[in-house]
């Protein structure tokens, strides 16, 4: 399956009231979204999401560019298939001020139980953060609601583990062969399996994902590579499931609280003059 990572590029410059004691600072950050829609199909909706996001930015911030990367999902990992980037200009709203771009709003996004994802919106205007917490006016609450509506209309989501895969009880481990209660449905050679709460005879947890090299339906045994040394288990412990990732569409998004999230150096800045090339003698 092909998916796209859509990244908005932000920049914010502070506006000191007394330049005799303070200097302006500029920072940058990115916010990313995922979609499984075709490029032509999602472009209009992505632009609408960007415009909705810009309405919540202070006057000294703006979306200055974009980047999208195409991926192919293969089992439990993503294979990049090319990236495109460009410049844009979606400025913040006149009259809205901010103290620090690190002041952020934490949202919790749901994609049907049990998949969830955290969404952090940096650069929140100062007037909507009061007493250390989120305190919106009715007008700003309406802007956030419009933004959430754009984000949860079915086009956007996140890449997460496929938690719908059934788990099976781990009964024992001997010489890289894992005996289980039943072989997971759809399991194939070169798939990956993930251990959960499995503790070996030595008392050390056996965690991680392991590639399947063979399995037996009759013996209910899965042979993998990559198990830690001395991974022996002679009693039932924990569970195992087929490890896959998938695109999860946002179905809801709710405010959690005000948080602080770091920003980086400005992403659009002057570059120094390149030094003269030295010609070998």
C-alpha atoms as a PDB file:
ATOM      1  CA  UNK A   1       0.000   0.000   0.000  1.00  0.00           C
ATOM      2  CA  UNK A   2       1.232   3.491  -0.819  1.00  0.00           C
ATOM      3  CA  UNK A   3       0.995   6.269   1.776  1.00  0.00           C
ATOM      4  CA  UNK A   4       2.179   9.873   1.898  1.00  0.00           C
ATOM      5  CA  UNK A   5       3.705  11.871   4.735  1.00  0.00           C
ATOM      6  CA  UNK A   6       2.660  15.520   4.471  1.00  0.00           C
ATOM      7  CA  UNK A   7       4.808  17.988   6.374  1.00  0.00           C
ATOM      8  CA  UNK A   8       4.016  21.640   7.038  1.00  0.00           C
ATOM      9  CA  UNK A   9       7.041  23.874   7.692  1.00  0.00           C
ATOM     10  CA  UNK A  10       6.548  26.718  10.193  1.00  0.00           C
ATOM     11  CA  UNK A  11       8.557  29.750  11.192  1.00  0.00           C
ATOM     12  CA  UNK A  12       7.957  32.274  13.971  1.00  0.00           C
ATOM     13  CA  UNK A  13       9.765  35.467  14.980  1.00  0.00           C
ATOM     14  CA  UNK A  14       9.187  37.008  18.394  1.00  0.00           C
ATOM     15  CA  UNK A  15       8.318  40.704  18.662  1.00  0.00           C
ATOM     16  CA  UNK A  16       9.978  42.337  21.699  1.00  0.00           C
ATOM     17  CA  UNK A  17       8.172  45.351  23.125  1.00  0.00           C
ATOM     18  CA  UNK A  18      11.388  46.965  24.410  1.00  0.00           C
ATOM     19  CA  UNK A  19      14.274  46.365  22.021  1.00  0.00           C
ATOM     20  CA  UNK A  20      16.666  48.045  24.451  1.00  0.00           C
ATOM     21  CA  UNK A  21      16.492  44.993  26.745  1.00  0.00           C
ATOM     22  CA  UNK A  22      15.431  42.200  24.379  1.00  0.00           C
ATOM     23  CA  UNK A  23      16.122  40.986  20.855  1.00  0.00           C
ATOM     24  CA  UNK A  24      13.853  39.195  18.434  1.00  0.00           C
ATOM     25  CA  UNK A  25      14.397  35.461  18.030  1.00  0.00           C
ATOM     26  CA  UNK A  26      13.342  33.209  15.182  1.00  0.00           C
ATOM     27  CA  UNK A  27      12.522  29.517  15.394  1.00  0.00           C
ATOM     28  CA  UNK A  28      11.119  26.832  13.159  1.00  0.00           C
ATOM     29  CA  UNK A  29       9.295  23.532  13.429  1.00  0.00           C
ATOM     30  CA  UNK A  30       7.338  21.036  11.386  1.00  0.00           C
ATOM     31  CA  UNK A  31       4.006  19.265  11.783  1.00  0.00           C
ATOM     32  CA  UNK A  32       3.323  16.100   9.808  1.00  0.00           C
ATOM     33  CA  UNK A  33       0.198  14.292   8.655  1.00  0.00           C
ATOM     34  CA  UNK A  34      -0.311  11.043   6.756  1.00  0.00           C
ATOM     35  CA  UNK A  35      -2.735  10.108   4.003  1.00  0.00           C
ATOM     36  CA  UNK A  36      -3.331   7.074   1.814  1.00  0.00           C
ATOM     37  CA  UNK A  37      -5.117   9.129  -0.854  1.00  0.00           C
ATOM     38  CA  UNK A  38      -3.676   9.811  -4.286  1.00  0.00           C
ATOM     39  CA  UNK A  39      -1.641  13.027  -4.670  1.00  0.00           C
ATOM     40  CA  UNK A  40      -4.220  14.751  -6.874  1.00  0.00           C
ATOM     41  CA  UNK A  41      -7.031  13.704  -4.543  1.00  0.00           C
ATOM     42  CA  UNK A  42      -5.516  14.974  -1.293  1.00  0.00           C
ATOM     43  CA  UNK A  43      -3.947  18.234  -2.472  1.00  0.00           C
ATOM     44  CA  UNK A  44      -7.119  20.337  -2.174  1.00  0.00           C
ATOM     45  CA  UNK A  45      -7.932  18.948   1.269  1.00  0.00           C
ATOM     46  CA  UNK A  46      -4.363  19.428   2.443  1.00  0.00           C
ATOM     47  CA  UNK A  47      -4.487  23.091   1.375  1.00  0.00           C
ATOM     48  CA  UNK A  48      -7.736  23.493   3.301  1.00  0.00           C
ATOM     49  CA  UNK A  49      -6.103  21.928   6.386  1.00  0.00           C
ATOM     50  CA  UNK A  50      -3.135  24.306   6.071  1.00  0.00           C
ATOM     51  CA  UNK A  51      -5.388  27.351   5.848  1.00  0.00           C
ATOM     52  CA  UNK A  52      -7.341  26.172   8.894  1.00  0.00           C
ATOM     53  CA  UNK A  53      -4.094  25.669  10.814  1.00  0.00           C
ATOM     54  CA  UNK A  54      -2.836  29.148   9.874  1.00  0.00           C
ATOM     55  CA  UNK A  55      -5.934  30.769  11.404  1.00  0.00           C
ATOM     56  CA  UNK A  56      -4.691  29.624  14.837  1.00  0.00           C
ATOM     57  CA  UNK A  57      -1.180  31.042  14.409  1.00  0.00           C
ATOM     58  CA  UNK A  58      -0.079  34.392  15.887  1.00  0.00           C
ATOM     59  CA  UNK A  59       0.754  37.282  13.595  1.00  0.00           C
ATOM     60  CA  UNK A  60       4.498  36.637  13.772  1.00  0.00           C
ATOM     61  CA  UNK A  61       4.206  33.028  12.539  1.00  0.00           C
ATOM     62  CA  UNK A  62       3.395  31.461   9.196  1.00  0.00           C
ATOM     63  CA  UNK A  63       3.544  28.252   7.210  1.00  0.00           C
ATOM     64  CA  UNK A  64       6.475  28.886   4.868  1.00  0.00           C
ATOM     65  CA  UNK A  65       6.688  25.614   2.967  1.00  0.00           C
ATOM     66  CA  UNK A  66       5.767  21.973   2.589  1.00  0.00           C
ATOM     67  CA  UNK A  67       7.331  18.590   2.033  1.00  0.00           C
ATOM     68  CA  UNK A  68       5.670  15.345   1.111  1.00  0.00           C
ATOM     69  CA  UNK A  69       7.260  11.933   0.956  1.00  0.00           C
ATOM     70  CA  UNK A  70       5.851   8.876  -0.730  1.00  0.00           C
ATOM     71  CA  UNK A  71       6.215   5.530   1.073  1.00  0.00           C
ATOM     72  CA  UNK A  72       5.265   1.941   0.448  1.00  0.00           C
ATOM     73  CA  UNK A  73       4.227  -0.130   3.446  1.00  0.00           C
ATOM     74  CA  UNK A  74       5.989  -3.508   3.434  1.00  0.00           C
ATOM     75  CA  UNK A  75       5.118  -5.677   6.417  1.00  0.00           C
ATOM     76  CA  UNK A  76       6.190  -3.736   9.486  1.00  0.00           C
ATOM     77  CA  UNK A  77       8.296  -1.009   7.867  1.00  0.00           C
ATOM     78  CA  UNK A  78       8.077   1.888   5.411  1.00  0.00           C
ATOM     79  CA  UNK A  79      10.062   2.014   2.169  1.00  0.00           C
ATOM     80  CA  UNK A  80      10.592   5.623   0.937  1.00  0.00           C
ATOM     81  CA  UNK A  81       9.762   6.218  -2.735  1.00  0.00           C
ATOM     82  CA  UNK A  82      10.692   9.868  -3.250  1.00  0.00           C
ATOM     83  CA  UNK A  83      10.217  13.325  -1.731  1.00  0.00           C
ATOM     84  CA  UNK A  84       9.050  16.684  -3.048  1.00  0.00           C
ATOM     85  CA  UNK A  85       9.294  20.057  -1.288  1.00  0.00           C
ATOM     86  CA  UNK A  86       8.285  23.622  -2.062  1.00  0.00           C
ATOM     87  CA  UNK A  87       7.525  27.064  -0.677  1.00  0.00           C
ATOM     88  CA  UNK A  88       4.174  28.334   0.518  1.00  0.00           C
ATOM     89  CA  UNK A  89       2.845  31.287   2.480  1.00  0.00           C
ATOM     90  CA  UNK A  90       0.010  30.880   4.956  1.00  0.00           C
ATOM     91  CA  UNK A  91       0.481  33.713   7.507  1.00  0.00           C
ATOM     92  CA  UNK A  92      -0.918  33.873  11.019  1.00  0.00           C
ATOM     93  CA  UNK A  93      -3.681  36.206  12.075  1.00  0.00           C
ATOM     94  CA  UNK A  94      -3.110  39.942  12.594  1.00  0.00           C
ATOM     95  CA  UNK A  95      -3.592  41.004  16.216  1.00  0.00           C
ATOM     96  CA  UNK A  96      -2.685  37.666  17.789  1.00  0.00           C
ATOM     97  CA  UNK A  97       0.513  37.771  19.849  1.00  0.00           C
ATOM     98  CA  UNK A  98       2.663  35.038  21.343  1.00  0.00           C
ATOM     99  CA  UNK A  99       5.292  34.867  24.072  1.00  0.00           C
ATOM    100  CA  UNK A 100       7.203  31.708  23.192  1.00  0.00           C
ATOM    101  CA  UNK A 101       6.693  29.378  20.203  1.00  0.00           C
ATOM    102  CA  UNK A 102       7.237  26.407  22.525  1.00  0.00           C
ATOM    103  CA  UNK A 103       3.818  26.966  24.107  1.00  0.00           C
ATOM    104  CA  UNK A 104       1.693  24.255  22.516  1.00  0.00           C
ATOM    105  CA  UNK A 105      -1.663  22.550  22.575  1.00  0.00           C
ATOM    106  CA  UNK A 106      -1.786  18.780  23.012  1.00  0.00           C
ATOM    107  CA  UNK A 107      -4.582  16.931  21.187  1.00  0.00           C
ATOM    108  CA  UNK A 108      -5.376  13.220  21.409  1.00  0.00           C
ATOM    109  CA  UNK A 109      -6.464  11.693  18.103  1.00  0.00           C
ATOM    110  CA  UNK A 110      -8.436   8.460  17.870  1.00  0.00           C
ATOM    111  CA  UNK A 111      -8.687   6.017  15.004  1.00  0.00           C
ATOM    112  CA  UNK A 112     -11.137   3.582  16.477  1.00  0.00           C
ATOM    113  CA  UNK A 113     -10.094   1.643  19.598  1.00  0.00           C
ATOM    114  CA  UNK A 114      -7.406   0.882  20.495  1.00  0.00           C
ATOM    115  CA  UNK A 115      -5.313   3.013  18.075  1.00  0.00           C
ATOM    116  CA  UNK A 116      -4.501   6.521  19.277  1.00  0.00           C
ATOM    117  CA  UNK A 117      -1.972   9.218  18.378  1.00  0.00           C
ATOM    118  CA  UNK A 118      -0.741  12.460  19.914  1.00  0.00           C
ATOM    119  CA  UNK A 119      -0.979  15.710  17.949  1.00  0.00           C
ATOM    120  CA  UNK A 120       0.911  18.793  19.159  1.00  0.00           C
ATOM    121  CA  UNK A 121       0.194  22.271  17.797  1.00  0.00           C
ATOM    122  CA  UNK A 122       3.053  24.655  18.567  1.00  0.00           C
ATOM    123  CA  UNK A 123       3.044  28.453  18.509  1.00  0.00           C
ATOM    124  CA  UNK A 124      -0.242  28.958  20.344  1.00  0.00           C
ATOM    125  CA  UNK A 125      -1.204  32.638  20.725  1.00  0.00           C
ATOM    126  CA  UNK A 126      -0.578  33.923  24.243  1.00  0.00           C
ATOM    127  CA  UNK A 127      -4.117  35.204  24.832  1.00  0.00           C
ATOM    128  CA  UNK A 128      -5.518  31.646  24.700  1.00  0.00           C
ATOM    129  CA  UNK A 129      -3.152  30.289  27.346  1.00  0.00           C
ATOM    130  CA  UNK A 130      -4.072  31.579  30.784  1.00  0.00           C
ATOM    131  CA  UNK A 131      -2.846  30.469  34.195  1.00  0.00           C
ATOM    132  CA  UNK A 132      -0.663  27.823  32.589  1.00  0.00           C
ATOM    133  CA  UNK A 133      -3.597  26.136  30.843  1.00  0.00           C
ATOM    134  CA  UNK A 134      -5.603  26.357  27.634  1.00  0.00           C
ATOM    135  CA  UNK A 135      -8.261  29.069  27.889  1.00  0.00           C
ATOM    136  CA  UNK A 136      -9.853  29.744  24.488  1.00  0.00           C
ATOM    137  CA  UNK A 137     -12.370  32.393  23.595  1.00  0.00           C
ATOM    138  CA  UNK A 138     -15.511  31.210  21.771  1.00  0.00           C
ATOM    139  CA  UNK A 139     -14.042  32.559  18.507  1.00  0.00           C
ATOM    140  CA  UNK A 140     -10.773  30.636  18.902  1.00  0.00           C
ATOM    141  CA  UNK A 141     -12.647  27.496  19.968  1.00  0.00           C
ATOM    142  CA  UNK A 142     -14.577  27.737  16.684  1.00  0.00           C
ATOM    143  CA  UNK A 143     -11.293  27.975  14.738  1.00  0.00           C
ATOM    144  CA  UNK A 144      -9.968  24.863  16.484  1.00  0.00           C
ATOM    145  CA  UNK A 145     -13.219  23.000  15.802  1.00  0.00           C
ATOM    146  CA  UNK A 146     -12.976  23.895  12.100  1.00  0.00           C
ATOM    147  CA  UNK A 147      -9.390  22.636  12.035  1.00  0.00           C
ATOM    148  CA  UNK A 148     -10.324  19.347  13.730  1.00  0.00           C
ATOM    149  CA  UNK A 149     -13.184  18.890  11.253  1.00  0.00           C
ATOM    150  CA  UNK A 150     -10.714  19.179   8.351  1.00  0.00           C
ATOM    151  CA  UNK A 151      -8.319  16.733  10.037  1.00  0.00           C
ATOM    152  CA  UNK A 152     -10.933  14.055  10.772  1.00  0.00           C
ATOM    153  CA  UNK A 153     -12.909  13.983   7.529  1.00  0.00           C
ATOM    154  CA  UNK A 154     -11.289  10.690   6.499  1.00  0.00           C
ATOM    155  CA  UNK A 155      -8.319  11.800   4.394  1.00  0.00           C
ATOM    156  CA  UNK A 156      -5.741  12.234   7.152  1.00  0.00           C
ATOM    157  CA  UNK A 157      -4.387   9.874   9.769  1.00  0.00           C
ATOM    158  CA  UNK A 158      -1.218   8.270  11.091  1.00  0.00           C
ATOM    159  CA  UNK A 159       0.895   5.176  10.602  1.00  0.00           C
ATOM    160  CA  UNK A 160       0.510   2.778  13.506  1.00  0.00           C
ATOM    161  CA  UNK A 161       0.811  -0.858  14.407  1.00  0.00           C
ATOM    162  CA  UNK A 162      -2.039  -3.050  13.259  1.00  0.00           C
ATOM    163  CA  UNK A 163      -3.465  -3.889  16.669  1.00  0.00           C
ATOM    164  CA  UNK A 164      -6.266  -5.898  15.074  1.00  0.00           C
ATOM    165  CA  UNK A 165      -3.816  -8.784  14.613  1.00  0.00           C
ATOM    166  CA  UNK A 166      -4.740 -11.574  17.011  1.00  0.00           C
ATOM    167  CA  UNK A 167      -2.292 -12.543  19.760  1.00  0.00           C
ATOM    168  CA  UNK A 168      -1.391 -16.113  20.642  1.00  0.00           C
ATOM    169  CA  UNK A 169       0.048 -17.520  23.863  1.00  0.00           C
ATOM    170  CA  UNK A 170       3.775 -18.306  23.909  1.00  0.00           C
ATOM    171  CA  UNK A 171       4.246 -21.782  25.401  1.00  0.00           C
ATOM    172  CA  UNK A 172       8.009 -22.241  25.076  1.00  0.00           C
ATOM    173  CA  UNK A 173      11.229 -21.347  23.239  1.00  0.00           C
ATOM    174  CA  UNK A 174      14.001 -23.745  22.238  1.00  0.00           C
ATOM    175  CA  UNK A 175      16.803 -23.119  19.707  1.00  0.00           C
ATOM    176  CA  UNK A 176      15.045 -20.154  18.013  1.00  0.00           C
ATOM    177  CA  UNK A 177      11.827 -22.161  17.727  1.00  0.00           C
ATOM    178  CA  UNK A 178       8.843 -20.604  19.475  1.00  0.00           C
ATOM    179  CA  UNK A 179       6.007 -22.931  20.440  1.00  0.00           C
ATOM    180  CA  UNK A 180       2.652 -21.155  20.516  1.00  0.00           C
ATOM    181  CA  UNK A 181      -0.960 -21.923  21.257  1.00  0.00           C
ATOM    182  CA  UNK A 182      -1.863 -21.360  17.574  1.00  0.00           C
ATOM    183  CA  UNK A 183      -0.168 -20.027  14.449  1.00  0.00           C
ATOM    184  CA  UNK A 184      -1.315 -16.432  13.725  1.00  0.00           C
ATOM    185  CA  UNK A 185      -3.659 -16.202  10.747  1.00  0.00           C
ATOM    186  CA  UNK A 186      -1.962 -15.086   7.542  1.00  0.00           C
ATOM    187  CA  UNK A 187       1.577 -15.698   8.819  1.00  0.00           C
ATOM    188  CA  UNK A 188       4.132 -16.117   5.998  1.00  0.00           C
ATOM    189  CA  UNK A 189       7.862 -16.610   5.621  1.00  0.00           C
ATOM    190  CA  UNK A 190       9.799 -13.322   6.098  1.00  0.00           C
ATOM    191  CA  UNK A 191       6.991 -11.826   8.164  1.00  0.00           C
ATOM    192  CA  UNK A 192       7.898 -10.361  11.548  1.00  0.00           C
ATOM    193  CA  UNK A 193       6.413 -11.359  14.870  1.00  0.00           C
ATOM    194  CA  UNK A 194       6.425  -9.254  18.044  1.00  0.00           C
ATOM    195  CA  UNK A 195       6.808 -10.604  21.587  1.00  0.00           C
ATOM    196  CA  UNK A 196       4.777  -9.087  24.410  1.00  0.00           C
ATOM    197  CA  UNK A 197       5.456  -9.706  28.117  1.00  0.00           C
ATOM    198  CA  UNK A 198       7.561 -12.801  27.402  1.00  0.00           C
ATOM    199  CA  UNK A 199      10.126 -13.531  30.134  1.00  0.00           C
ATOM    200  CA  UNK A 200      12.773 -16.243  29.655  1.00  0.00           C
ATOM    201  CA  UNK A 201      13.881 -18.825  32.201  1.00  0.00           C
ATOM    202  CA  UNK A 202      16.730 -16.491  33.199  1.00  0.00           C
ATOM    203  CA  UNK A 203      14.242 -13.815  34.227  1.00  0.00           C
ATOM    204  CA  UNK A 204      15.171 -11.460  31.367  1.00  0.00           C
ATOM    205  CA  UNK A 205      12.318 -10.140  29.169  1.00  0.00           C
ATOM    206  CA  UNK A 206      12.454 -11.217  25.524  1.00  0.00           C
ATOM    207  CA  UNK A 207      11.308  -8.166  23.600  1.00  0.00           C
ATOM    208  CA  UNK A 208      11.412  -6.919  20.020  1.00  0.00           C
ATOM    209  CA  UNK A 209      10.419  -8.107  16.567  1.00  0.00           C
ATOM    210  CA  UNK A 210      11.873 -11.196  14.895  1.00  0.00           C
ATOM    211  CA  UNK A 211      11.824 -12.381  11.287  1.00  0.00           C
ATOM    212  CA  UNK A 212      10.093 -15.671  10.554  1.00  0.00           C
ATOM    213  CA  UNK A 213      12.162 -18.192   8.566  1.00  0.00           C
ATOM    214  CA  UNK A 214       9.825 -21.198   8.930  1.00  0.00           C
ATOM    215  CA  UNK A 215       6.768 -22.385  10.797  1.00  0.00           C
ATOM    216  CA  UNK A 216       4.754 -25.566  11.288  1.00  0.00           C
ATOM    217  CA  UNK A 217       0.972 -25.590  11.564  1.00  0.00           C
ATOM    218  CA  UNK A 218       0.940 -29.125  12.993  1.00  0.00           C
ATOM    219  CA  UNK A 219       3.673 -28.568  15.573  1.00  0.00           C
ATOM    220  CA  UNK A 220       2.455 -25.014  16.273  1.00  0.00           C
ATOM    221  CA  UNK A 221       6.054 -23.849  16.099  1.00  0.00           C
ATOM    222  CA  UNK A 222       7.577 -20.666  14.597  1.00  0.00           C
ATOM    223  CA  UNK A 223      11.312 -20.477  13.865  1.00  0.00           C
ATOM    224  CA  UNK A 224      12.774 -16.970  13.860  1.00  0.00           C
ATOM    225  CA  UNK A 225      16.164 -15.296  13.667  1.00  0.00           C
ATOM    226  CA  UNK A 226      17.484 -12.594  15.958  1.00  0.00           C
ATOM    227  CA  UNK A 227      16.474 -13.928  19.365  1.00  0.00           C
ATOM    228  CA  UNK A 228      18.848 -12.891  22.172  1.00  0.00           C
ATOM    229  CA  UNK A 229      21.389 -15.452  23.342  1.00  0.00           C
ATOM    230  CA  UNK A 230      20.149 -17.924  25.953  1.00  0.00           C
ATOM    231  CA  UNK A 231      16.519 -17.263  25.061  1.00  0.00           C
ATOM    232  CA  UNK A 232      15.069 -20.415  26.579  1.00  0.00           C
ATOM    233  CA  UNK A 233      11.532 -20.783  27.870  1.00  0.00           C
ATOM    234  CA  UNK A 234      10.056 -23.967  29.305  1.00  0.00           C
ATOM    235  CA  UNK A 235       6.773 -22.566  30.599  1.00  0.00           C
ATOM    236  CA  UNK A 236       4.001 -20.379  29.151  1.00  0.00           C
ATOM    237  CA  UNK A 237       4.815 -16.666  29.274  1.00  0.00           C
ATOM    238  CA  UNK A 238       3.391 -13.679  27.441  1.00  0.00           C
ATOM    239  CA  UNK A 239       2.083 -13.596  23.901  1.00  0.00           C
ATOM    240  CA  UNK A 240       3.096 -13.176  20.258  1.00  0.00           C
ATOM    241  CA  UNK A 241       1.416 -11.531  17.302  1.00  0.00           C
ATOM    242  CA  UNK A 242       2.128 -10.859  13.657  1.00  0.00           C
ATOM    243  CA  UNK A 243       3.795  -7.429  13.452  1.00  0.00           C
ATOM    244  CA  UNK A 244       2.290  -5.165  10.774  1.00  0.00           C
ATOM    245  CA  UNK A 245       1.846  -1.447  10.284  1.00  0.00           C
ATOM    246  CA  UNK A 246      -1.098   0.208   8.606  1.00  0.00           C
ATOM    247  CA  UNK A 247      -2.634   3.585   7.855  1.00  0.00           C
ATOM    248  CA  UNK A 248      -5.141   4.671  10.497  1.00  0.00           C
ATOM    249  CA  UNK A 249      -7.634   7.426   9.633  1.00  0.00           C
ATOM    250  CA  UNK A 250      -8.415   9.985  12.309  1.00  0.00           C
ATOM    251  CA  UNK A 251     -11.993   9.618  13.516  1.00  0.00           C
ATOM    252  CA  UNK A 252     -11.898  12.068  16.424  1.00  0.00           C
ATOM    253  CA  UNK A 253      -9.546  14.589  18.021  1.00  0.00           C
ATOM    254  CA  UNK A 254      -9.888  16.151  21.464  1.00  0.00           C
ATOM    255  CA  UNK A 255      -7.994  18.748  23.477  1.00  0.00           C
ATOM    256  CA  UNK A 256      -5.914  17.337  26.350  1.00  0.00           C
ATOM    257  CA  UNK A 257      -4.039  20.323  27.795  1.00  0.00           C
ATOM    258  CA  UNK A 258      -1.419  23.004  27.282  1.00  0.00           C
ATOM    259  CA  UNK A 259       2.130  21.650  26.967  1.00  0.00           C
ATOM    260  CA  UNK A 260       5.615  22.849  26.078  1.00  0.00           C
ATOM    261  CA  UNK A 261       7.291  21.463  22.957  1.00  0.00           C
ATOM    262  CA  UNK A 262      10.725  22.542  21.754  1.00  0.00           C
ATOM    263  CA  UNK A 263      11.262  24.260  18.413  1.00  0.00           C
ATOM    264  CA  UNK A 264      14.406  24.286  16.303  1.00  0.00           C
ATOM    265  CA  UNK A 265      16.421  26.837  14.396  1.00  0.00           C
ATOM    266  CA  UNK A 266      14.661  28.746  11.599  1.00  0.00           C
ATOM    267  CA  UNK A 267      14.112  26.600   8.524  1.00  0.00           C
ATOM    268  CA  UNK A 268      14.302  29.563   6.133  1.00  0.00           C
ATOM    269  CA  UNK A 269      17.386  31.701   6.699  1.00  0.00           C
ATOM    270  CA  UNK A 270      20.223  33.498   4.960  1.00  0.00           C
ATOM    271  CA  UNK A 271      23.125  31.401   3.815  1.00  0.00           C
ATOM    272  CA  UNK A 272      26.717  32.605   4.065  1.00  0.00           C
ATOM    273  CA  UNK A 273      28.804  33.243   0.991  1.00  0.00           C
ATOM    274  CA  UNK A 274      30.449  30.085  -0.261  1.00  0.00           C
ATOM    275  CA  UNK A 275      34.244  30.088  -0.024  1.00  0.00           C
ATOM    276  CA  UNK A 276      36.305  30.141  -3.210  1.00  0.00           C
ATOM    277  CA  UNK A 277      37.089  26.738  -4.649  1.00  0.00           C
ATOM    278  CA  UNK A 278      40.705  25.789  -4.312  1.00  0.00           C
ATOM    279  CA  UNK A 279      42.329  24.522  -7.496  1.00  0.00           C
ATOM    280  CA  UNK A 280      44.881  21.735  -6.902  1.00  0.00           C
ATOM    281  CA  UNK A 281      48.434  22.761  -7.788  1.00  0.00           C
END
